[in-house]
Amino acid sequence: MEKIPDQLGYLILTEDGAVLESGGDLENDERVATIITDLISLSNSIDPVAYDPDEKFKKITITYDDHWFIICISNKKIYVVKRNIPTSSIDNVAVNV
């Protein structure tokens, strides 16, 4: 996890939100862990008519002005990476909006 480019911090959580590993800006950040697990629960319960109950998200990205969070689940663990947004990416996002 520490080799990810532009990484500011990371969390590895259990499915119920307990912190297994962490580092950088997110080191032992229980508040963010709770927010992430609540977001996952919410995303899995959105409109069961429109989405198959067995269909789960593959990746969630939350974008701020200068950083983003990337969230994914693999092997019953939740991986969260906080990454710095390079200036060129910010310019491209602003143009595409």
Protein backbone atom coordinates (compact mmCIF):
# COMPACT_ATOMS: atom_id res chain seq x y z
CA MET A 1 0.00 0.00 0.00
CA GLU A 2 2.83 2.42 0.75
CA LYS A 3 4.16 2.10 -2.84
CA ILE A 4 1.04 3.65 -4.41
CA PRO A 5 2.03 6.89 -6.21
CA ASP A 6 0.78 10.19 -4.74
CA GLN A 7 -0.52 8.35 -1.68
CA LEU A 8 -1.23 10.48 1.38
CA GLY A 9 -2.55 7.68 3.57
CA TYR A 10 -4.26 4.30 3.60
CA LEU A 11 -6.55 2.07 5.64
CA ILE A 12 -7.15 -1.66 5.48
CA LEU A 13 -10.35 -2.56 7.29
CA THR A 14 -12.31 -5.67 8.16
CA GLU A 15 -15.82 -5.90 6.70
CA ASP A 16 -17.23 -4.49 9.93
CA GLY A 17 -14.85 -1.49 9.87
CA ALA A 18 -12.11 -2.48 12.31
CA VAL A 19 -8.71 -1.08 11.32
CA LEU A 20 -6.22 -3.83 10.43
CA GLU A 21 -3.49 -1.61 8.97
CA SER A 22 -3.10 2.10 8.39
CA GLY A 23 -0.55 4.73 7.52
CA GLY A 24 0.05 8.34 6.54
CA ASP A 25 -2.84 10.81 6.97
CA LEU A 26 -5.22 7.93 7.77
CA GLU A 27 -3.12 6.25 10.46
CA ASN A 28 -5.52 4.80 13.06
CA ASP A 29 -8.30 7.08 11.78
CA GLU A 30 -11.38 5.39 13.26
CA ARG A 31 -13.60 8.31 12.17
CA VAL A 32 -12.81 7.79 8.48
CA ALA A 33 -13.14 4.01 8.94
CA THR A 34 -16.67 4.49 10.29
CA ILE A 35 -17.61 6.87 7.47
CA ILE A 36 -16.29 4.41 4.86
CA THR A 37 -18.16 1.40 6.29
CA ASP A 38 -21.37 3.48 6.51
CA LEU A 39 -20.90 4.55 2.88
CA ILE A 40 -20.43 0.94 1.79
CA SER A 41 -23.56 -0.13 3.67
CA LEU A 42 -25.50 2.69 2.03
CA SER A 43 -24.21 1.89 -1.46
CA ASN A 44 -25.15 -1.78 -1.07
CA SER A 45 -28.73 -0.87 -0.14
CA ILE A 46 -29.47 1.70 -2.87
CA ASP A 47 -32.58 0.97 -4.94
CA PRO A 48 -32.90 -2.83 -4.86
CA VAL A 49 -35.37 -2.61 -7.78
CA ALA A 50 -32.83 -0.97 -10.11
CA TYR A 51 -29.90 -3.17 -9.10
CA ASP A 52 -29.64 -6.91 -8.65
CA PRO A 53 -29.26 -7.69 -4.90
CA ASP A 54 -26.10 -9.66 -5.68
CA GLU A 55 -24.59 -6.76 -7.62
CA LYS A 56 -22.04 -4.92 -5.48
CA PHE A 57 -19.82 -1.97 -6.27
CA LYS A 58 -16.34 -2.54 -7.64
CA LYS A 59 -14.79 0.77 -6.64
CA ILE A 60 -15.94 4.00 -5.01
CA THR A 61 -14.02 7.22 -5.60
CA ILE A 62 -14.65 10.35 -3.55
CA THR A 63 -13.07 13.45 -5.07
CA TYR A 64 -12.16 16.66 -3.24
CA ASP A 65 -10.35 19.73 -4.59
CA ASP A 66 -6.85 18.47 -3.82
CA HIS A 67 -7.20 14.77 -2.98
CA TRP A 68 -9.40 11.74 -3.47
CA PHE A 69 -10.29 8.56 -1.66
CA ILE A 70 -10.39 5.27 -3.55
CA ILE A 71 -12.30 2.46 -1.83
CA CYS A 72 -12.53 -1.17 -2.89
CA ILE A 73 -13.24 -4.55 -1.32
CA SER A 74 -11.12 -7.65 -1.90
CA ASN A 75 -10.80 -10.89 0.07
CA LYS A 76 -13.30 -9.64 2.67
CA LYS A 77 -11.18 -6.58 3.42
CA ILE A 78 -11.88 -2.93 2.67
CA TYR A 79 -8.98 -1.01 1.13
CA VAL A 80 -8.99 2.79 1.31
CA VAL A 81 -6.30 4.98 -0.21
CA LYS A 82 -6.14 8.74 0.11
CA ARG A 83 -4.26 10.10 -2.91
CA ASN A 84 -3.05 13.53 -3.88
CA ILE A 85 -4.56 14.80 -7.13
CA PRO A 86 -1.82 15.96 -9.49
CA THR A 87 -2.42 19.50 -10.78
CA SER A 88 -2.84 18.27 -14.37
CA SER A 89 -5.67 15.94 -13.25
CA ILE A 90 -7.48 18.81 -11.52
CA ASP A 91 -7.32 20.83 -14.74
CA ASN A 92 -8.70 17.89 -16.76
CA VAL A 93 -11.59 17.35 -14.32
CA ALA A 94 -12.52 21.03 -14.45
CA VAL A 95 -12.56 20.96 -18.26
CA ASN A 96 -14.69 17.79 -18.40
CA VAL A 97 -17.37 19.07 -16.03
